[in-house]
Amino acid sequence: MSEKYTEDTKLEEVLNKPETSAVISKYQLPCQGCAMAAHEAKVLTLGQIAKTYGIDLDGMLIELNSIN
């Protein structure tokens, strides 16, 4: 694993890695189908998205960081 995901990680960093798609789907981040995602992914952090949509940030980060 080359990096650690945190609450300050930009969404774009996660969406650009195909191996994270299962975690993104599991936590139902609406960003995958959102028309504004291309713009917002560059500025929004995982922490901001989790807070906005009531997503379990700690659980998501554990799973993202466990990906090899």
C-alpha atoms as a PDB file:
ATOM      1  CA  MET A   1       0.000   0.000   0.000  1.00  0.00           C
ATOM      2  CA  SER A   2       1.567   3.270  -1.074  1.00  0.00           C
ATOM      3  CA  GLU A   3      -0.649   5.766   0.713  1.00  0.00           C
ATOM      4  CA  LYS A   4      -2.974   6.107   3.638  1.00  0.00           C
ATOM      5  CA  TYR A   5      -6.470   7.445   3.172  1.00  0.00           C
ATOM      6  CA  THR A   6      -7.638   9.976   5.770  1.00  0.00           C
ATOM      7  CA  GLU A   7     -10.622  12.223   6.306  1.00  0.00           C
ATOM      8  CA  ASP A   8      -8.666  14.873   4.373  1.00  0.00           C
ATOM      9  CA  THR A   9      -8.154  12.714   1.279  1.00  0.00           C
ATOM     10  CA  LYS A  10      -9.776  14.248  -1.786  1.00  0.00           C
ATOM     11  CA  LEU A  11     -12.528  12.142  -3.296  1.00  0.00           C
ATOM     12  CA  GLU A  12     -10.752  12.269  -6.648  1.00  0.00           C
ATOM     13  CA  GLU A  13      -7.832  10.258  -5.227  1.00  0.00           C
ATOM     14  CA  VAL A  14     -10.195   7.445  -4.271  1.00  0.00           C
ATOM     15  CA  LEU A  15     -12.319   7.495  -7.424  1.00  0.00           C
ATOM     16  CA  ASN A  16      -9.211   7.267  -9.617  1.00  0.00           C
ATOM     17  CA  LYS A  17      -8.252   3.892  -8.130  1.00  0.00           C
ATOM     18  CA  PRO A  18     -10.294   1.001  -9.536  1.00  0.00           C
ATOM     19  CA  GLU A  19      -9.507  -1.192  -6.526  1.00  0.00           C
ATOM     20  CA  THR A  20     -11.512   1.134  -4.251  1.00  0.00           C
ATOM     21  CA  SER A  21     -14.788   0.817  -6.185  1.00  0.00           C
ATOM     22  CA  ALA A  22     -16.156  -2.006  -4.001  1.00  0.00           C
ATOM     23  CA  VAL A  23     -15.686   0.081  -0.842  1.00  0.00           C
ATOM     24  CA  ILE A  24     -17.204   3.158  -2.492  1.00  0.00           C
ATOM     25  CA  SER A  25     -20.223   1.084  -3.517  1.00  0.00           C
ATOM     26  CA  LYS A  26     -20.559  -0.565  -0.102  1.00  0.00           C
ATOM     27  CA  TYR A  27     -20.712   2.797   1.663  1.00  0.00           C
ATOM     28  CA  GLN A  28     -23.050   4.147  -1.018  1.00  0.00           C
ATOM     29  CA  LEU A  29     -21.156   7.296  -1.814  1.00  0.00           C
ATOM     30  CA  PRO A  30     -23.493   9.083  -4.208  1.00  0.00           C
ATOM     31  CA  CYS A  31     -20.527  10.437  -6.130  1.00  0.00           C
ATOM     32  CA  GLN A  32     -20.314   7.546  -8.565  1.00  0.00           C
ATOM     33  CA  GLY A  33     -23.493   8.554 -10.365  1.00  0.00           C
ATOM     34  CA  CYS A  34     -23.525  12.269  -9.660  1.00  0.00           C
ATOM     35  CA  ALA A  35     -23.242  14.656 -12.601  1.00  0.00           C
ATOM     36  CA  MET A  36     -21.268  17.117 -10.447  1.00  0.00           C
ATOM     37  CA  ALA A  37     -18.756  14.497  -9.270  1.00  0.00           C
ATOM     38  CA  ALA A  38     -16.115  15.434 -11.834  1.00  0.00           C
ATOM     39  CA  HIS A  39     -15.885  18.931 -10.370  1.00  0.00           C
ATOM     40  CA  GLU A  40     -16.642  18.188  -6.727  1.00  0.00           C
ATOM     41  CA  ALA A  41     -14.222  15.249  -6.511  1.00  0.00           C
ATOM     42  CA  LYS A  42     -11.347  17.693  -6.869  1.00  0.00           C
ATOM     43  CA  VAL A  43     -12.394  19.770  -3.864  1.00  0.00           C
ATOM     44  CA  LEU A  44     -14.394  17.557  -1.496  1.00  0.00           C
ATOM     45  CA  THR A  45     -12.716  15.362   1.088  1.00  0.00           C
ATOM     46  CA  LEU A  46     -13.845  11.981   2.349  1.00  0.00           C
ATOM     47  CA  GLY A  47     -14.596  13.611   5.707  1.00  0.00           C
ATOM     48  CA  GLN A  48     -16.858  16.241   4.153  1.00  0.00           C
ATOM     49  CA  ILE A  49     -18.746  13.665   2.124  1.00  0.00           C
ATOM     50  CA  ALA A  50     -19.153  11.323   5.090  1.00  0.00           C
ATOM     51  CA  LYS A  51     -20.538  14.141   7.230  1.00  0.00           C
ATOM     52  CA  THR A  52     -22.913  15.346   4.519  1.00  0.00           C
ATOM     53  CA  TYR A  53     -24.338  11.911   3.728  1.00  0.00           C
ATOM     54  CA  GLY A  54     -24.123  10.267   7.166  1.00  0.00           C
ATOM     55  CA  ILE A  55     -21.508   7.727   6.071  1.00  0.00           C
ATOM     56  CA  ASP A  56     -19.426   5.785   8.608  1.00  0.00           C
ATOM     57  CA  LEU A  57     -16.109   7.516   7.941  1.00  0.00           C
ATOM     58  CA  ASP A  58     -14.052   5.374  10.315  1.00  0.00           C
ATOM     59  CA  GLY A  59     -15.335   2.129   8.813  1.00  0.00           C
ATOM     60  CA  MET A  60     -14.810   3.357   5.285  1.00  0.00           C
ATOM     61  CA  LEU A  61     -11.244   4.486   6.014  1.00  0.00           C
ATOM     62  CA  ILE A  62     -10.386   1.159   7.640  1.00  0.00           C
ATOM     63  CA  GLU A  63     -11.586  -0.678   4.557  1.00  0.00           C
ATOM     64  CA  LEU A  64      -9.919   1.690   2.102  1.00  0.00           C
ATOM     65  CA  ASN A  65      -6.627   1.440   3.964  1.00  0.00           C
ATOM     66  CA  SER A  66      -6.785  -2.344   4.048  1.00  0.00           C
ATOM     67  CA  ILE A  67      -6.712  -2.541   0.248  1.00  0.00           C
ATOM     68  CA  ASN A  68      -3.321  -3.661  -1.001  1.00  0.00           C
END
